[in-house]
Amino acid sequence: MAAVTQRRAYLLLAAVIVAWGVNWPVMKVGLLYIPPLWFAAARVLLGCACMFVLLAVQGRLRLPARRDLPVVISVGAVQIALSLALIHFSLQFVDAGRSAILAYTSPLWVTPLAVLVLKERLSTAKMAGLILGLGGVAVLFNPLGFDFTDRPALLGNGLLLLTSMSWAGVIIHIRGYRWQVAPLDLMPWQMLLGGVLLSGLALWFEGDEPVRWTPTLIAVLAYNGPVASAFCFWAYVTIARALPAISTSLGSLGVPVAGMLSAAVFLGEALSATNIGGLLLISLG
């Protein structure tokens, strides 16, 4: 991983953008066959198994140290279990493209948290970015483009914003954490914790709900586990270590763009002016 060239890192970044972007309509299709919490648990545990195999082959599989437990719990419980539960539940009521945009508003919530918790300075440029991004959120919820009387859609949109805020909290925790090992070495344990928590929630809330095993569902899970979870997590960590932070963060904004376009192609979702305008302002922010 340390020897990855910039060219390969950019190719990996492009692959992650496409893989994660396309996964938004894939998840939407999967929810036709499996309840949301079971879906989230299955994809995380499949990805977890792949990560354990990967690190075992590399000779890097080891138990996390006690000092690493806070970040294992933070990422596993919040960034994986909570966020995926909210995303999969919300996708039942919100278009895939719009869901991708809302989920990737987390940089907006990182800014005020970084000022309050990490005592970072709020420069003029950061304030301008925050205002632009919040303007994009306002565009997404303007009364001409959003039906506030649709309660399921209102709930789904709100939970997606909550997801992005929870990601922001984990980002702040990670930023202030003193890493003793490579982030990838903790990933299987974080995914294992997230998968166990999601399985418990699924048993509690969806224990009696049926799963329709079809070739489509098997294909969706095969994509979500090894590709969208294991490969993309591994690739993103590799990218973050090989490329400048600005390149990585700007590149990640390609995910909602790919999500919105792929949802339009595969699911026939409309490329509305509201979604496009909101995405542009959030990306500029």
C-alpha atoms as a PDB file:
ATOM      1  CA  MET A   1       0.000   0.000   0.000  1.00  0.00           C
ATOM      2  CA  ALA A   2       2.831   2.408   0.780  1.00  0.00           C
ATOM      3  CA  ALA A   3       4.174   1.938  -2.748  1.00  0.00           C
ATOM      4  CA  VAL A   4       0.961   2.865  -4.593  1.00  0.00           C
ATOM      5  CA  THR A   5       1.757   5.429  -7.269  1.00  0.00           C
ATOM      6  CA  GLN A   6      -0.315   8.566  -7.749  1.00  0.00           C
ATOM      7  CA  ARG A   7      -1.530   7.271 -11.112  1.00  0.00           C
ATOM      8  CA  ARG A   8      -2.844   4.066  -9.542  1.00  0.00           C
ATOM      9  CA  ALA A   9      -4.340   6.033  -6.670  1.00  0.00           C
ATOM     10  CA  TYR A  10      -6.306   8.222  -9.094  1.00  0.00           C
ATOM     11  CA  LEU A  11      -7.485   5.108 -10.927  1.00  0.00           C
ATOM     12  CA  LEU A  12      -8.623   3.666  -7.580  1.00  0.00           C
ATOM     13  CA  LEU A  13     -10.402   6.936  -6.799  1.00  0.00           C
ATOM     14  CA  ALA A  14     -12.270   6.753 -10.107  1.00  0.00           C
ATOM     15  CA  ALA A  15     -13.227   3.146  -9.351  1.00  0.00           C
ATOM     16  CA  VAL A  16     -14.526   4.103  -5.896  1.00  0.00           C
ATOM     17  CA  ILE A  17     -16.577   6.993  -7.295  1.00  0.00           C
ATOM     18  CA  VAL A  18     -18.243   4.689  -9.819  1.00  0.00           C
ATOM     19  CA  ALA A  19     -18.674   1.741  -7.434  1.00  0.00           C
ATOM     20  CA  TRP A  20     -20.146   3.774  -4.577  1.00  0.00           C
ATOM     21  CA  GLY A  21     -22.204   5.942  -6.929  1.00  0.00           C
ATOM     22  CA  VAL A  22     -23.758   3.005  -8.761  1.00  0.00           C
ATOM     23  CA  ASN A  23     -24.510   1.352  -5.430  1.00  0.00           C
ATOM     24  CA  TRP A  24     -27.240   3.881  -4.602  1.00  0.00           C
ATOM     25  CA  PRO A  25     -29.664   2.521  -7.238  1.00  0.00           C
ATOM     26  CA  VAL A  26     -28.394  -1.008  -6.479  1.00  0.00           C
ATOM     27  CA  MET A  27     -29.413  -0.567  -2.831  1.00  0.00           C
ATOM     28  CA  LYS A  28     -32.785   0.776  -3.929  1.00  0.00           C
ATOM     29  CA  VAL A  29     -33.378  -2.401  -5.948  1.00  0.00           C
ATOM     30  CA  GLY A  30     -32.195  -4.638  -3.119  1.00  0.00           C
ATOM     31  CA  LEU A  31     -34.800  -3.190  -0.757  1.00  0.00           C
ATOM     32  CA  LEU A  32     -37.501  -4.699  -2.973  1.00  0.00           C
ATOM     33  CA  TYR A  33     -36.400  -8.148  -1.768  1.00  0.00           C
ATOM     34  CA  ILE A  34     -34.990  -7.731   1.746  1.00  0.00           C
ATOM     35  CA  PRO A  35     -35.885  -5.567   4.775  1.00  0.00           C
ATOM     36  CA  PRO A  36     -33.522  -2.609   5.303  1.00  0.00           C
ATOM     37  CA  LEU A  37     -31.838  -3.727   8.537  1.00  0.00           C
ATOM     38  CA  TRP A  38     -31.242  -7.271   7.293  1.00  0.00           C
ATOM     39  CA  PHE A  39     -29.832  -5.770   4.088  1.00  0.00           C
ATOM     40  CA  ALA A  40     -27.441  -3.539   6.037  1.00  0.00           C
ATOM     41  CA  ALA A  41     -26.348  -6.412   8.312  1.00  0.00           C
ATOM     42  CA  ALA A  42     -25.765  -8.797   5.393  1.00  0.00           C
ATOM     43  CA  ARG A  43     -23.651  -6.352   3.374  1.00  0.00           C
ATOM     44  CA  VAL A  44     -21.505  -5.386   6.375  1.00  0.00           C
ATOM     45  CA  LEU A  45     -20.859  -8.980   7.459  1.00  0.00           C
ATOM     46  CA  LEU A  46     -20.003  -9.998   3.895  1.00  0.00           C
ATOM     47  CA  GLY A  47     -17.616  -7.085   3.615  1.00  0.00           C
ATOM     48  CA  CYS A  48     -16.212  -7.917   7.057  1.00  0.00           C
ATOM     49  CA  ALA A  49     -15.409 -11.488   5.976  1.00  0.00           C
ATOM     50  CA  CYS A  50     -13.567 -10.162   2.923  1.00  0.00           C
ATOM     51  CA  MET A  51     -11.553  -7.721   5.065  1.00  0.00           C
ATOM     52  CA  PHE A  52     -10.536 -10.465   7.496  1.00  0.00           C
ATOM     53  CA  VAL A  53      -9.316 -12.610   4.573  1.00  0.00           C
ATOM     54  CA  LEU A  54      -7.442  -9.668   3.033  1.00  0.00           C
ATOM     55  CA  LEU A  55      -5.554  -8.783   6.208  1.00  0.00           C
ATOM     56  CA  ALA A  56      -4.892 -12.444   7.027  1.00  0.00           C
ATOM     57  CA  VAL A  57      -3.286 -12.948   3.607  1.00  0.00           C
ATOM     58  CA  GLN A  58      -1.161  -9.816   4.177  1.00  0.00           C
ATOM     59  CA  GLY A  59      -0.132 -11.075   7.636  1.00  0.00           C
ATOM     60  CA  ARG A  60      -1.613  -7.971   9.289  1.00  0.00           C
ATOM     61  CA  LEU A  61      -4.553  -9.505  11.154  1.00  0.00           C
ATOM     62  CA  ARG A  62      -4.316  -8.774  14.868  1.00  0.00           C
ATOM     63  CA  LEU A  63      -6.609  -7.850  17.729  1.00  0.00           C
ATOM     64  CA  PRO A  64      -7.013  -4.109  18.322  1.00  0.00           C
ATOM     65  CA  ALA A  65      -5.184  -2.721  21.338  1.00  0.00           C
ATOM     66  CA  ARG A  66      -7.148  -1.293  24.254  1.00  0.00           C
ATOM     67  CA  ARG A  67      -6.182   2.250  23.227  1.00  0.00           C
ATOM     68  CA  ASP A  68      -7.811   1.628  19.812  1.00  0.00           C
ATOM     69  CA  LEU A  69     -11.190   0.597  21.248  1.00  0.00           C
ATOM     70  CA  PRO A  70     -12.714   4.119  21.258  1.00  0.00           C
ATOM     71  CA  VAL A  71     -12.206   4.554  17.517  1.00  0.00           C
ATOM     72  CA  VAL A  72     -13.324   0.959  16.854  1.00  0.00           C
ATOM     73  CA  ILE A  73     -16.558   1.675  18.727  1.00  0.00           C
ATOM     74  CA  SER A  74     -17.016   5.104  17.153  1.00  0.00           C
ATOM     75  CA  VAL A  75     -16.653   3.887  13.577  1.00  0.00           C
ATOM     76  CA  GLY A  76     -18.324   0.508  14.088  1.00  0.00           C
ATOM     77  CA  ALA A  77     -21.354   1.710  16.030  1.00  0.00           C
ATOM     78  CA  VAL A  78     -21.944   5.131  14.467  1.00  0.00           C
ATOM     79  CA  GLN A  79     -20.362   5.349  11.018  1.00  0.00           C
ATOM     80  CA  ILE A  80     -21.222   1.762  10.046  1.00  0.00           C
ATOM     81  CA  ALA A  81     -24.182   0.466  12.081  1.00  0.00           C
ATOM     82  CA  LEU A  82     -26.171   3.656  12.687  1.00  0.00           C
ATOM     83  CA  SER A  83     -25.525   5.297   9.328  1.00  0.00           C
ATOM     84  CA  LEU A  84     -26.253   2.203   7.226  1.00  0.00           C
ATOM     85  CA  ALA A  85     -29.418   1.503   9.209  1.00  0.00           C
ATOM     86  CA  LEU A  86     -30.619   5.063   8.536  1.00  0.00           C
ATOM     87  CA  ILE A  87     -29.583   5.007   4.874  1.00  0.00           C
ATOM     88  CA  HIS A  88     -31.281   1.698   4.076  1.00  0.00           C
ATOM     89  CA  PHE A  89     -34.437   2.710   5.941  1.00  0.00           C
ATOM     90  CA  SER A  90     -34.547   6.109   4.211  1.00  0.00           C
ATOM     91  CA  LEU A  91     -34.091   4.646   0.733  1.00  0.00           C
ATOM     92  CA  GLN A  92     -37.565   3.158   1.034  1.00  0.00           C
ATOM     93  CA  PHE A  93     -39.012   6.678   0.814  1.00  0.00           C
ATOM     94  CA  VAL A  94     -36.397   8.799  -0.986  1.00  0.00           C
ATOM     95  CA  ASP A  95     -35.049   8.570  -4.535  1.00  0.00           C
ATOM     96  CA  ALA A  96     -31.581   7.045  -4.802  1.00  0.00           C
ATOM     97  CA  GLY A  97     -30.030  10.120  -6.426  1.00  0.00           C
ATOM     98  CA  ARG A  98     -31.361  12.544  -3.838  1.00  0.00           C
ATOM     99  CA  SER A  99     -30.307  10.158  -1.046  1.00  0.00           C
ATOM    100  CA  ALA A 100     -26.732  10.183  -2.316  1.00  0.00           C
ATOM    101  CA  ILE A 101     -26.666  13.994  -2.284  1.00  0.00           C
ATOM    102  CA  LEU A 102     -28.031  14.320   1.252  1.00  0.00           C
ATOM    103  CA  ALA A 103     -25.758  11.623   2.668  1.00  0.00           C
ATOM    104  CA  TYR A 104     -22.700  13.471   1.339  1.00  0.00           C
ATOM    105  CA  THR A 105     -23.462  16.754   3.106  1.00  0.00           C
ATOM    106  CA  SER A 106     -21.282  15.656   6.052  1.00  0.00           C
ATOM    107  CA  PRO A 107     -18.488  18.194   5.280  1.00  0.00           C
ATOM    108  CA  LEU A 108     -20.990  20.961   6.061  1.00  0.00           C
ATOM    109  CA  TRP A 109     -21.545  19.673   9.586  1.00  0.00           C
ATOM    110  CA  VAL A 110     -17.825  19.013  10.137  1.00  0.00           C
ATOM    111  CA  THR A 111     -17.064  22.745   9.944  1.00  0.00           C
ATOM    112  CA  PRO A 112     -18.998  23.954  13.021  1.00  0.00           C
ATOM    113  CA  LEU A 113     -18.002  20.831  14.968  1.00  0.00           C
ATOM    114  CA  ALA A 114     -14.325  21.413  14.165  1.00  0.00           C
ATOM    115  CA  VAL A 115     -14.619  24.973  15.472  1.00  0.00           C
ATOM    116  CA  LEU A 116     -16.411  23.928  18.667  1.00  0.00           C
ATOM    117  CA  VAL A 117     -14.571  20.692  19.486  1.00  0.00           C
ATOM    118  CA  LEU A 118     -11.134  20.970  17.862  1.00  0.00           C
ATOM    119  CA  LYS A 119     -10.897  24.781  18.214  1.00  0.00           C
ATOM    120  CA  GLU A 120     -10.086  25.162  14.517  1.00  0.00           C
ATOM    121  CA  ARG A 121     -10.229  28.694  13.162  1.00  0.00           C
ATOM    122  CA  LEU A 122     -13.252  29.574  11.043  1.00  0.00           C
ATOM    123  CA  SER A 123     -11.650  31.453   8.164  1.00  0.00           C
ATOM    124  CA  THR A 124     -13.508  33.560   5.633  1.00  0.00           C
ATOM    125  CA  ALA A 125     -13.095  30.821   3.033  1.00  0.00           C
ATOM    126  CA  LYS A 126     -14.524  28.176   5.382  1.00  0.00           C
ATOM    127  CA  MET A 127     -17.461  30.416   6.245  1.00  0.00           C
ATOM    128  CA  ALA A 128     -18.149  31.023   2.554  1.00  0.00           C
ATOM    129  CA  GLY A 129     -18.028  27.283   1.897  1.00  0.00           C
ATOM    130  CA  LEU A 130     -20.416  26.603   4.767  1.00  0.00           C
ATOM    131  CA  ILE A 131     -22.888  29.220   3.508  1.00  0.00           C
ATOM    132  CA  LEU A 132     -22.764  27.829  -0.037  1.00  0.00           C
ATOM    133  CA  GLY A 133     -23.287  24.279   1.181  1.00  0.00           C
ATOM    134  CA  LEU A 134     -26.177  25.194   3.466  1.00  0.00           C
ATOM    135  CA  GLY A 135     -27.649  27.119   0.530  1.00  0.00           C
ATOM    136  CA  GLY A 136     -27.546  23.857  -1.429  1.00  0.00           C
ATOM    137  CA  VAL A 137     -29.456  22.091   1.349  1.00  0.00           C
ATOM    138  CA  ALA A 138     -31.990  24.930   1.321  1.00  0.00           C
ATOM    139  CA  VAL A 139     -32.440  24.474  -2.442  1.00  0.00           C
ATOM    140  CA  LEU A 140     -33.109  20.751  -1.925  1.00  0.00           C
ATOM    141  CA  PHE A 141     -35.876  21.619   0.539  1.00  0.00           C
ATOM    142  CA  ASN A 142     -37.414  24.577  -1.244  1.00  0.00           C
ATOM    143  CA  PRO A 143     -41.250  24.400  -1.229  1.00  0.00           C
ATOM    144  CA  LEU A 144     -41.398  24.395  -5.048  1.00  0.00           C
ATOM    145  CA  GLY A 145     -39.306  21.225  -5.284  1.00  0.00           C
ATOM    146  CA  PHE A 146     -40.164  19.358  -2.085  1.00  0.00           C
ATOM    147  CA  ASP A 147     -43.557  18.238  -0.791  1.00  0.00           C
ATOM    148  CA  PHE A 148     -43.604  18.932   2.947  1.00  0.00           C
ATOM    149  CA  THR A 149     -46.957  17.146   3.273  1.00  0.00           C
ATOM    150  CA  ASP A 150     -45.376  13.813   2.288  1.00  0.00           C
ATOM    151  CA  ARG A 151     -44.531  12.508   5.762  1.00  0.00           C
ATOM    152  CA  PRO A 152     -42.590   9.368   4.698  1.00  0.00           C
ATOM    153  CA  ALA A 153     -40.434  11.454   2.349  1.00  0.00           C
ATOM    154  CA  LEU A 154     -39.933  14.074   5.072  1.00  0.00           C
ATOM    155  CA  LEU A 155     -38.845  11.345   7.509  1.00  0.00           C
ATOM    156  CA  GLY A 156     -36.479   9.774   4.975  1.00  0.00           C
ATOM    157  CA  ASN A 157     -34.850  13.098   4.078  1.00  0.00           C
ATOM    158  CA  GLY A 158     -34.456  14.003   7.741  1.00  0.00           C
ATOM    159  CA  LEU A 159     -32.819  10.673   8.561  1.00  0.00           C
ATOM    160  CA  LEU A 160     -30.387  11.081   5.664  1.00  0.00           C
ATOM    161  CA  LEU A 161     -29.335  14.465   7.040  1.00  0.00           C
ATOM    162  CA  LEU A 162     -28.960  12.814  10.450  1.00  0.00           C
ATOM    163  CA  THR A 163     -26.724  10.215   8.786  1.00  0.00           C
ATOM    164  CA  SER A 164     -24.436  12.892   7.382  1.00  0.00           C
ATOM    165  CA  MET A 165     -24.304  14.604  10.785  1.00  0.00           C
ATOM    166  CA  SER A 166     -23.338  11.332  12.473  1.00  0.00           C
ATOM    167  CA  TRP A 167     -20.550  10.880   9.907  1.00  0.00           C
ATOM    168  CA  ALA A 168     -19.353  14.390  10.749  1.00  0.00           C
ATOM    169  CA  GLY A 169     -19.130  13.471  14.422  1.00  0.00           C
ATOM    170  CA  VAL A 170     -17.032  10.411  13.638  1.00  0.00           C
ATOM    171  CA  ILE A 171     -14.789  12.471  11.348  1.00  0.00           C
ATOM    172  CA  ILE A 172     -14.115  14.877  14.218  1.00  0.00           C
ATOM    173  CA  HIS A 173     -13.327  11.952  16.518  1.00  0.00           C
ATOM    174  CA  ILE A 174     -10.971  10.404  13.963  1.00  0.00           C
ATOM    175  CA  ARG A 175      -9.280  13.728  13.260  1.00  0.00           C
ATOM    176  CA  GLY A 176      -8.462  14.201  16.922  1.00  0.00           C
ATOM    177  CA  TYR A 177      -7.374  10.578  17.423  1.00  0.00           C
ATOM    178  CA  ARG A 178      -3.695   9.616  17.648  1.00  0.00           C
ATOM    179  CA  TRP A 179      -3.347   6.614  15.364  1.00  0.00           C
ATOM    180  CA  GLN A 180      -1.042   3.854  16.586  1.00  0.00           C
ATOM    181  CA  VAL A 181      -1.779   1.482  13.667  1.00  0.00           C
ATOM    182  CA  ALA A 182      -2.855   1.852  10.046  1.00  0.00           C
ATOM    183  CA  PRO A 183      -6.602   2.638   9.803  1.00  0.00           C
ATOM    184  CA  LEU A 184      -7.119  -0.400   7.567  1.00  0.00           C
ATOM    185  CA  ASP A 185      -5.924  -2.751  10.328  1.00  0.00           C
ATOM    186  CA  LEU A 186      -8.913  -1.766  12.469  1.00  0.00           C
ATOM    187  CA  MET A 187     -11.457  -1.923   9.649  1.00  0.00           C
ATOM    188  CA  PRO A 188     -12.487  -5.614   9.974  1.00  0.00           C
ATOM    189  CA  TRP A 189     -13.098  -5.181  13.714  1.00  0.00           C
ATOM    190  CA  GLN A 190     -15.109  -2.032  13.119  1.00  0.00           C
ATOM    191  CA  MET A 191     -17.164  -3.833  10.473  1.00  0.00           C
ATOM    192  CA  LEU A 192     -17.610  -6.839  12.761  1.00  0.00           C
ATOM    193  CA  LEU A 193     -18.992  -4.599  15.519  1.00  0.00           C
ATOM    194  CA  GLY A 194     -21.257  -2.817  13.034  1.00  0.00           C
ATOM    195  CA  GLY A 195     -22.477  -6.123  11.587  1.00  0.00           C
ATOM    196  CA  VAL A 196     -23.257  -7.578  15.012  1.00  0.00           C
ATOM    197  CA  LEU A 197     -25.176  -4.452  16.060  1.00  0.00           C
ATOM    198  CA  LEU A 198     -27.123  -4.397  12.793  1.00  0.00           C
ATOM    199  CA  SER A 199     -27.959  -8.095  13.136  1.00  0.00           C
ATOM    200  CA  GLY A 200     -29.314  -7.478  16.622  1.00  0.00           C
ATOM    201  CA  LEU A 201     -31.453  -4.579  15.388  1.00  0.00           C
ATOM    202  CA  ALA A 202     -32.698  -6.677  12.474  1.00  0.00           C
ATOM    203  CA  LEU A 203     -33.688  -9.536  14.790  1.00  0.00           C
ATOM    204  CA  TRP A 204     -35.497  -7.113  17.103  1.00  0.00           C
ATOM    205  CA  PHE A 205     -37.355  -5.042  14.501  1.00  0.00           C
ATOM    206  CA  GLU A 206     -37.530  -7.303  11.434  1.00  0.00           C
ATOM    207  CA  GLY A 207     -37.400 -10.818  12.868  1.00  0.00           C
ATOM    208  CA  ASP A 208     -40.700 -11.835  11.261  1.00  0.00           C
ATOM    209  CA  GLU A 209     -40.261 -10.039   7.933  1.00  0.00           C
ATOM    210  CA  PRO A 210     -39.540 -12.327   4.954  1.00  0.00           C
ATOM    211  CA  VAL A 211     -36.531 -12.209   2.668  1.00  0.00           C
ATOM    212  CA  ARG A 212     -37.247 -13.001  -0.989  1.00  0.00           C
ATOM    213  CA  TRP A 213     -34.193 -14.925  -2.172  1.00  0.00           C
ATOM    214  CA  THR A 214     -33.868 -14.312  -5.895  1.00  0.00           C
ATOM    215  CA  PRO A 215     -30.928 -14.085  -8.314  1.00  0.00           C
ATOM    216  CA  THR A 216     -31.334 -10.301  -8.204  1.00  0.00           C
ATOM    217  CA  LEU A 217     -30.956 -10.164  -4.421  1.00  0.00           C
ATOM    218  CA  ILE A 218     -27.938 -12.484  -4.525  1.00  0.00           C
ATOM    219  CA  ALA A 219     -26.329 -10.212  -7.125  1.00  0.00           C
ATOM    220  CA  VAL A 220     -27.115  -7.120  -5.026  1.00  0.00           C
ATOM    221  CA  LEU A 221     -25.530  -8.658  -1.910  1.00  0.00           C
ATOM    222  CA  ALA A 222     -22.542  -9.916  -3.902  1.00  0.00           C
ATOM    223  CA  TYR A 223     -21.980  -6.355  -5.091  1.00  0.00           C
ATOM    224  CA  ASN A 224     -22.587  -4.697  -1.713  1.00  0.00           C
ATOM    225  CA  GLY A 225     -20.368  -7.018   0.349  1.00  0.00           C
ATOM    226  CA  PRO A 226     -17.115  -7.596  -1.547  1.00  0.00           C
ATOM    227  CA  VAL A 227     -17.273  -4.544  -3.845  1.00  0.00           C
ATOM    228  CA  ALA A 228     -19.154  -1.632  -2.250  1.00  0.00           C
ATOM    229  CA  SER A 229     -18.014  -2.469   1.279  1.00  0.00           C
ATOM    230  CA  ALA A 230     -14.694  -4.379   1.372  1.00  0.00           C
ATOM    231  CA  PHE A 231     -13.049  -3.165  -1.856  1.00  0.00           C
ATOM    232  CA  CYS A 232     -14.211   0.444  -1.573  1.00  0.00           C
ATOM    233  CA  PHE A 233     -13.173   0.761   2.079  1.00  0.00           C
ATOM    234  CA  TRP A 234      -9.751  -0.693   1.292  1.00  0.00           C
ATOM    235  CA  ALA A 235      -9.371   1.493  -1.798  1.00  0.00           C
ATOM    236  CA  TYR A 236     -10.432   4.672   0.004  1.00  0.00           C
ATOM    237  CA  VAL A 237      -7.891   4.143   2.783  1.00  0.00           C
ATOM    238  CA  THR A 238      -5.229   3.499   0.132  1.00  0.00           C
ATOM    239  CA  ILE A 239      -6.244   6.659  -1.746  1.00  0.00           C
ATOM    240  CA  ALA A 240      -6.187   8.787   1.401  1.00  0.00           C
ATOM    241  CA  ARG A 241      -2.610   7.691   2.103  1.00  0.00           C
ATOM    242  CA  ALA A 242      -1.366   8.216  -1.466  1.00  0.00           C
ATOM    243  CA  LEU A 243      -3.086  11.448  -2.566  1.00  0.00           C
ATOM    244  CA  PRO A 244      -3.334  14.952  -1.105  1.00  0.00           C
ATOM    245  CA  ALA A 245      -6.290  15.435   1.234  1.00  0.00           C
ATOM    246  CA  ILE A 246      -7.869  18.013  -1.091  1.00  0.00           C
ATOM    247  CA  SER A 247      -7.784  15.571  -4.011  1.00  0.00           C
ATOM    248  CA  THR A 248      -9.393  12.858  -1.910  1.00  0.00           C
ATOM    249  CA  SER A 249     -12.123  15.093  -0.488  1.00  0.00           C
ATOM    250  CA  LEU A 250     -12.940  16.713  -3.827  1.00  0.00           C
ATOM    251  CA  GLY A 251     -12.926  13.320  -5.524  1.00  0.00           C
ATOM    252  CA  SER A 252     -15.435  11.943  -3.030  1.00  0.00           C
ATOM    253  CA  LEU A 253     -17.905  14.577  -4.246  1.00  0.00           C
ATOM    254  CA  GLY A 254     -18.047  12.560  -7.452  1.00  0.00           C
ATOM    255  CA  VAL A 255     -19.984   9.843  -5.598  1.00  0.00           C
ATOM    256  CA  PRO A 256     -23.322  11.721  -5.362  1.00  0.00           C
ATOM    257  CA  VAL A 257     -22.901  12.835  -8.975  1.00  0.00           C
ATOM    258  CA  ALA A 258     -22.401   9.215 -10.054  1.00  0.00           C
ATOM    259  CA  GLY A 259     -25.295   8.186  -7.802  1.00  0.00           C
ATOM    260  CA  MET A 260     -27.681  10.714  -9.294  1.00  0.00           C
ATOM    261  CA  LEU A 261     -26.694   9.897 -12.898  1.00  0.00           C
ATOM    262  CA  SER A 262     -26.816   6.116 -12.413  1.00  0.00           C
ATOM    263  CA  ALA A 263     -30.219   6.387 -10.691  1.00  0.00           C
ATOM    264  CA  ALA A 264     -31.468   8.331 -13.698  1.00  0.00           C
ATOM    265  CA  VAL A 265     -30.107   5.711 -16.121  1.00  0.00           C
ATOM    266  CA  PHE A 266     -31.067   2.514 -14.287  1.00  0.00           C
ATOM    267  CA  LEU A 267     -34.152   3.570 -12.325  1.00  0.00           C
ATOM    268  CA  GLY A 268     -35.501   6.330 -14.539  1.00  0.00           C
ATOM    269  CA  GLU A 269     -35.298   8.945 -11.781  1.00  0.00           C
ATOM    270  CA  ALA A 270     -35.727  12.505 -13.014  1.00  0.00           C
ATOM    271  CA  LEU A 271     -32.709  14.833 -13.053  1.00  0.00           C
ATOM    272  CA  SER A 272     -34.661  17.664 -11.446  1.00  0.00           C
ATOM    273  CA  ALA A 273     -33.424  21.245 -11.312  1.00  0.00           C
ATOM    274  CA  THR A 274     -33.785  21.117  -7.522  1.00  0.00           C
ATOM    275  CA  ASN A 275     -31.414  18.157  -7.138  1.00  0.00           C
ATOM    276  CA  ILE A 276     -28.911  19.495  -9.665  1.00  0.00           C
ATOM    277  CA  GLY A 277     -28.901  22.982  -8.120  1.00  0.00           C
ATOM    278  CA  GLY A 278     -28.570  21.612  -4.594  1.00  0.00           C
ATOM    279  CA  LEU A 279     -25.729  19.289  -5.597  1.00  0.00           C
ATOM    280  CA  LEU A 280     -23.831  22.096  -7.343  1.00  0.00           C
ATOM    281  CA  LEU A 281     -24.019  24.415  -4.331  1.00  0.00           C
ATOM    282  CA  ILE A 282     -23.068  21.653  -1.881  1.00  0.00           C
ATOM    283  CA  SER A 283     -20.116  20.679  -4.099  1.00  0.00           C
ATOM    284  CA  LEU A 284     -18.991  24.305  -4.362  1.00  0.00           C
ATOM    285  CA  GLY A 285     -19.248  24.601  -0.586  1.00  0.00           C
END
